[in-house]
Protein backbone atom coordinates (compact mmCIF):
# COMPACT_ATOMS: atom_id res chain seq x y z
CA UNK A 1 30.72 22.58 6.80
CA UNK A 2 29.96 20.47 3.76
CA UNK A 3 31.01 16.85 3.60
CA UNK A 4 31.77 14.91 0.43
CA UNK A 5 28.65 12.80 0.93
CA UNK A 6 26.55 15.92 1.54
CA UNK A 7 27.97 17.45 -1.64
CA UNK A 8 27.12 14.28 -3.56
CA UNK A 9 23.52 14.38 -2.29
CA UNK A 10 23.26 18.06 -3.26
CA UNK A 11 24.59 17.18 -6.72
CA UNK A 12 21.97 14.41 -7.10
CA UNK A 13 19.25 16.85 -6.01
CA UNK A 14 20.36 19.47 -8.57
CA UNK A 15 20.75 16.80 -11.24
CA UNK A 16 17.13 15.72 -10.79
CA UNK A 17 17.95 12.28 -9.48
CA UNK A 18 15.15 12.40 -6.88
CA UNK A 19 12.65 14.06 -9.22
CA UNK A 20 13.17 11.93 -12.32
CA UNK A 21 15.52 8.97 -12.00
CA UNK A 22 14.33 7.37 -8.73
CA UNK A 23 10.58 7.74 -9.45
CA UNK A 24 11.17 6.39 -12.96
CA UNK A 25 13.08 3.37 -11.64
CA UNK A 26 10.47 2.69 -8.96
CA UNK A 27 7.48 2.79 -11.31
CA UNK A 28 9.32 0.91 -14.07
CA UNK A 29 10.30 -1.86 -11.65
CA UNK A 30 6.83 -2.20 -10.13
CA UNK A 31 5.02 -2.21 -13.49
CA UNK A 32 7.54 -4.59 -15.06
CA UNK A 33 7.28 -6.99 -12.11
CA UNK A 34 3.47 -6.95 -12.27
CA UNK A 35 3.49 -7.56 -16.03
CA UNK A 36 5.99 -10.39 -15.67
CA UNK A 37 4.05 -12.03 -12.85
CA UNK A 38 0.57 -11.72 -14.37
CA UNK A 39 1.65 -12.42 -17.97
CA UNK A 40 -1.04 -10.04 -19.19
CA UNK A 41 0.72 -9.34 -22.47
CA UNK A 42 1.22 -13.00 -23.33
CA UNK A 43 3.87 -15.69 -23.14
CA UNK A 44 6.52 -17.01 -25.51
CA UNK A 45 6.57 -20.48 -27.02
CA UNK A 46 8.63 -21.69 -24.06
CA UNK A 47 6.02 -20.53 -21.51
CA UNK A 48 7.96 -17.51 -20.30
CA UNK A 49 6.55 -13.96 -20.26
CA UNK A 50 7.37 -11.66 -23.16
CA UNK A 51 10.01 -9.61 -21.37
CA UNK A 52 10.70 -7.28 -24.30
CA UNK A 53 7.06 -6.20 -24.58
CA UNK A 54 6.69 -6.00 -20.81
CA UNK A 55 9.77 -3.80 -20.54
CA UNK A 56 8.57 -1.43 -23.28
CA UNK A 57 5.14 -1.04 -21.67
CA UNK A 58 6.74 -0.51 -18.26
CA UNK A 59 9.12 2.05 -19.79
CA UNK A 60 6.27 4.02 -21.37
CA UNK A 61 4.16 3.98 -18.21
CA UNK A 62 7.15 5.11 -16.13
CA UNK A 63 7.88 7.94 -18.57
CA UNK A 64 4.25 9.11 -18.43
CA UNK A 65 4.42 8.95 -14.64
CA UNK A 66 7.59 11.04 -14.45
CA UNK A 67 6.03 13.62 -16.79
CA UNK A 68 3.31 14.38 -14.21
CA UNK A 69 5.07 16.62 -11.71
CA UNK A 70 2.26 16.66 -9.08
CA UNK A 71 2.17 12.87 -8.98
CA UNK A 72 5.95 12.62 -8.63
CA UNK A 73 5.82 15.20 -5.85
CA UNK A 74 3.11 13.19 -4.07
CA UNK A 75 5.23 10.05 -4.44
CA UNK A 76 8.28 11.85 -3.01
CA UNK A 77 6.22 13.09 -0.05
CA UNK A 78 4.49 9.79 0.72
CA UNK A 79 7.28 7.25 0.24
CA UNK A 80 9.18 8.12 3.45
CA UNK A 81 5.96 7.83 5.47
CA UNK A 82 5.13 4.47 3.91
CA UNK A 83 8.66 3.29 4.73
CA UNK A 84 8.18 4.51 8.30
CA UNK A 85 4.88 2.62 8.47
CA UNK A 86 6.73 -0.50 7.30
CA UNK A 87 9.31 -0.06 10.08
CA UNK A 88 6.49 0.32 12.64
CA UNK A 89 4.78 -2.81 11.29
CA UNK A 90 7.97 -4.89 11.44
CA UNK A 91 8.65 -3.66 14.97
CA UNK A 92 5.10 -4.61 15.97
CA UNK A 93 5.51 -8.08 14.47
CA UNK A 94 8.80 -8.58 16.33
CA UNK A 95 7.16 -7.56 19.60
CA UNK A 96 4.17 -9.86 19.07
CA UNK A 97 6.49 -12.69 18.05
CA UNK A 98 8.54 -12.24 21.20
CA UNK A 99 5.50 -13.24 23.26
CA UNK A 100 5.31 -16.65 21.57
CA UNK A 101 5.45 -19.58 23.95
CA UNK A 102 8.16 -21.42 22.05
CA UNK A 103 6.27 -24.71 22.18
CA UNK A 104 5.31 -24.40 18.54
CA UNK A 105 6.32 -22.18 15.68
CA UNK A 106 4.68 -18.75 15.89
CA UNK A 107 2.93 -17.48 12.78
CA UNK A 108 0.52 -14.66 12.14
CA UNK A 109 -1.68 -17.06 10.17
CA UNK A 110 -3.20 -18.33 13.43
CA UNK A 111 -4.21 -14.82 14.46
CA UNK A 112 -7.06 -14.31 11.96
CA UNK A 113 -8.88 -11.43 13.65
CA UNK A 114 -5.70 -9.53 14.51
CA UNK A 115 -4.30 -10.06 11.05
CA UNK A 116 -7.44 -8.62 9.46
CA UNK A 117 -7.50 -5.74 11.93
CA UNK A 118 -3.86 -4.89 11.19
CA UNK A 119 -4.57 -5.09 7.46
CA UNK A 120 -7.43 -2.61 7.82
CA UNK A 121 -5.33 -0.25 9.95
CA UNK A 122 -2.43 -0.39 7.48
CA UNK A 123 -4.78 0.20 4.52
CA UNK A 124 -6.33 3.24 6.22
CA UNK A 125 -2.85 4.56 7.12
CA UNK A 126 -1.56 4.20 3.55
CA UNK A 127 -4.70 5.88 2.15
CA UNK A 128 -4.27 8.72 4.67
CA UNK A 129 -0.59 9.08 3.71
CA UNK A 130 -1.41 9.40 0.00
CA UNK A 131 -4.38 11.70 0.63
CA UNK A 132 -2.06 13.93 2.65
CA UNK A 133 0.56 13.86 -0.12
CA UNK A 134 -2.04 15.11 -2.62
CA UNK A 135 -3.34 17.69 -0.14
CA UNK A 136 -6.80 16.09 0.17
CA UNK A 137 -6.61 14.74 3.73
CA UNK A 138 -7.84 17.96 5.36
CA UNK A 139 -10.85 18.13 3.02
CA UNK A 140 -11.77 14.49 3.69
CA UNK A 141 -11.42 14.89 7.45
CA UNK A 142 -13.48 18.10 7.39
CA UNK A 143 -16.20 16.38 5.36
CA UNK A 144 -16.36 13.40 7.73
CA UNK A 145 -16.35 15.58 10.84
CA UNK A 146 -19.05 17.91 9.46
CA UNK A 147 -21.31 15.02 8.46
CA UNK A 148 -20.55 12.73 11.40
CA UNK A 149 -23.66 13.62 13.40
CA UNK A 150 -26.32 13.08 10.75
CA UNK A 151 -27.01 10.48 8.16
CA UNK A 152 -23.36 9.60 7.67
CA UNK A 153 -23.00 7.95 11.07
CA UNK A 154 -26.34 6.15 10.77
CA UNK A 155 -25.40 4.90 7.30
CA UNK A 156 -22.03 3.58 8.49
CA UNK A 157 -23.60 1.78 11.45
CA UNK A 158 -26.36 0.31 9.27
CA UNK A 159 -23.94 -0.95 6.61
CA UNK A 160 -21.68 -2.39 9.32
CA UNK A 161 -24.65 -4.15 10.89
CA UNK A 162 -25.70 -5.66 7.56
CA UNK A 163 -22.16 -6.83 6.75
CA UNK A 164 -21.82 -8.31 10.25
CA UNK A 165 -25.17 -10.12 9.97
CA UNK A 166 -24.28 -11.57 6.56
CA UNK A 167 -20.88 -12.67 7.84
CA UNK A 168 -22.44 -14.24 10.94
CA UNK A 169 -25.07 -16.10 8.89
CA UNK A 170 -22.63 -17.26 6.25
CA UNK A 171 -19.78 -18.38 8.48
CA UNK A 172 -21.38 -19.45 11.73
CA UNK A 173 -20.78 -23.05 12.85
CA UNK A 174 -24.52 -23.75 13.10
CA UNK A 175 -25.01 -23.04 9.40
CA UNK A 176 -22.28 -25.57 8.55
CA UNK A 177 -24.05 -28.30 10.51
CA UNK A 178 -27.46 -27.64 8.99
CA UNK A 179 -26.25 -27.13 5.42
């Protein structure tokens, strides 16, 4: 049994609302916001960004984006998963915040290591989501699994060791006292 709202969603699907209009609006908004914030294309005499030029560039980029069907399909596939990841992240932050003592204001700024770790996990998750949307995740996982035993693992451990040693030498408290 079809409902009026279900019929409206079917109409939007047939109209191309999810294939053209929403991706266009998303990319236009993101590009326009970045151009306005960075002021890459210049400013007016009053110090404000050139909104007319920024909007035209954002419009053209969004039109080129919508013209690429595989990219729009990947965006449609990945956006719900990114939104789900955002819900998981907010839930995690609420749970961590609920363990605050209440003596002082709780912020994630004081949790340096955990903040960096969560940033790395979120970055890897978003990359995996987009790789899956483009159909490349299986190939990447197969490549890593096939090469895990040999030089790949040794290379990763060696690079991690070097980065850790440089970090330890650069940011240790003893180097601050001697320098």
